[in-house]
């Protein structure tokens, strides 16, 4: 049960960081990104990277919740759906974040 709580908290942290990024605070990102993004691009960059981070966080949250439901119902379909949602959240979130990094930084690294 502790694993589900920790996973849930990681998801909450990702969502919180994503919302912070969406509001223009990109200080939680690697210094490479904060130095290479111009002042006028901070808000649109933060919104896109933040959206990607929020999607990853939501995927983690849904995974932890559905995995905990599986534990109590003994129905593995919840874990399967949770895993699928986790993968979708990670893939879509990373694609959105990487596209923003390429657009505003001219590269991921």
Protein backbone atom coordinates (compact mmCIF):
# COMPACT_ATOMS: atom_id res chain seq x y z
CA UNK A 1 0.00 0.00 0.00
CA UNK A 2 2.92 2.36 0.68
CA UNK A 3 3.97 2.03 -2.96
CA UNK A 4 0.59 3.30 -4.16
CA UNK A 5 0.79 6.29 -1.81
CA UNK A 6 4.31 7.16 -2.96
CA UNK A 7 3.30 6.82 -6.60
CA UNK A 8 0.26 9.00 -5.97
CA UNK A 9 2.42 11.66 -4.33
CA UNK A 10 4.85 11.62 -7.28
CA UNK A 11 1.87 12.22 -9.56
CA UNK A 12 0.67 15.11 -7.40
CA UNK A 13 4.19 16.60 -7.48
CA UNK A 14 4.31 16.34 -11.29
CA UNK A 15 0.92 18.03 -11.63
CA UNK A 16 1.95 20.80 -9.21
CA UNK A 17 5.24 21.42 -11.06
CA UNK A 18 3.40 21.41 -14.39
CA UNK A 19 0.91 24.00 -13.16
CA UNK A 20 3.79 26.12 -11.88
CA UNK A 21 5.45 25.88 -15.31
CA UNK A 22 2.21 26.79 -17.04
CA UNK A 23 2.09 29.99 -14.99
CA UNK A 24 5.48 31.00 -16.37
CA UNK A 25 7.71 29.78 -13.55
CA UNK A 26 10.22 27.63 -15.42
CA UNK A 27 12.80 27.64 -12.62
CA UNK A 28 12.05 23.96 -11.92
CA UNK A 29 13.43 23.07 -15.35
CA UNK A 30 17.08 22.45 -16.12
CA UNK A 31 19.15 25.63 -16.23
CA UNK A 32 19.79 24.99 -19.92
CA UNK A 33 16.14 25.72 -20.63
CA UNK A 34 15.88 28.75 -18.38
CA UNK A 35 18.92 30.42 -19.96
CA UNK A 36 18.08 29.69 -23.59
CA UNK A 37 14.42 30.76 -23.55
CA UNK A 38 13.91 34.45 -24.23
CA UNK A 39 11.90 36.51 -21.78
CA UNK A 40 8.96 36.89 -24.18
CA UNK A 41 8.89 33.12 -24.83
CA UNK A 42 8.85 32.09 -21.15
CA UNK A 43 5.05 32.04 -20.87
CA UNK A 44 4.31 30.03 -24.05
CA UNK A 45 7.26 27.71 -23.35
CA UNK A 46 6.16 27.21 -19.75
CA UNK A 47 2.58 26.52 -20.82
CA UNK A 48 3.61 23.82 -23.27
CA UNK A 49 6.19 22.13 -21.04
CA UNK A 50 3.82 22.47 -18.09
CA UNK A 51 1.01 20.83 -20.04
CA UNK A 52 3.31 17.91 -20.84
CA UNK A 53 4.30 17.61 -17.19
CA UNK A 54 0.66 17.77 -16.06
CA UNK A 55 -0.24 14.97 -18.49
CA UNK A 56 2.57 12.80 -17.15
CA UNK A 57 1.40 13.54 -13.60
CA UNK A 58 -2.21 12.69 -14.41
CA UNK A 59 -1.07 9.40 -15.95
CA UNK A 60 0.85 8.58 -12.76
CA UNK A 61 -2.13 9.55 -10.57
CA UNK A 62 -4.55 7.41 -12.56
CA UNK A 63 -2.13 4.49 -12.52
CA UNK A 64 -1.73 4.64 -8.74
CA UNK A 65 -5.46 4.95 -8.12
CA UNK A 66 -6.40 2.11 -10.48
CA UNK A 67 -3.62 -0.09 -9.13
CA UNK A 68 -4.94 0.43 -5.60
CA UNK A 69 -8.45 -0.42 -6.82
CA UNK A 70 -7.04 -3.64 -8.27
CA UNK A 71 -5.63 -4.52 -4.87
CA UNK A 72 -9.06 -4.25 -3.25
CA UNK A 73 -11.25 -5.67 -6.01
CA UNK A 74 -8.83 -8.37 -7.18
CA UNK A 75 -9.82 -7.47 -10.74
CA UNK A 76 -6.70 -7.10 -12.88
CA UNK A 77 -8.49 -5.06 -15.54
CA UNK A 78 -8.02 -1.93 -13.41
CA UNK A 79 -4.25 -2.42 -13.35
CA UNK A 80 -4.24 -2.98 -17.11
CA UNK A 81 -6.24 0.19 -17.76
CA UNK A 82 -4.04 2.11 -15.29
CA UNK A 83 -0.89 0.93 -17.04
CA UNK A 84 -2.29 1.94 -20.43
CA UNK A 85 -3.22 5.39 -19.12
CA UNK A 86 0.23 5.77 -17.56
CA UNK A 87 1.94 4.96 -20.86
CA UNK A 88 -0.34 7.29 -22.80
CA UNK A 89 0.25 10.11 -20.31
CA UNK A 90 4.01 9.68 -20.40
CA UNK A 91 4.24 9.41 -24.19
CA UNK A 92 1.90 12.32 -24.97
CA UNK A 93 3.38 14.46 -22.20
CA UNK A 94 6.94 13.88 -23.36
CA UNK A 95 6.03 14.60 -26.98
CA UNK A 96 4.43 17.92 -26.03
CA UNK A 97 7.36 18.89 -23.79
CA UNK A 98 10.00 17.87 -26.34
CA UNK A 99 8.24 19.78 -29.13
CA UNK A 100 8.24 22.91 -26.96
CA UNK A 101 11.93 22.46 -26.13
CA UNK A 102 12.81 22.05 -29.78
CA UNK A 103 10.72 25.08 -30.76
CA UNK A 104 12.00 27.49 -28.10
CA UNK A 105 15.50 26.09 -27.45
CA UNK A 106 16.33 24.76 -30.91
CA UNK A 107 17.03 21.42 -29.25
CA UNK A 108 16.32 19.20 -26.27
CA UNK A 109 19.84 19.42 -24.83
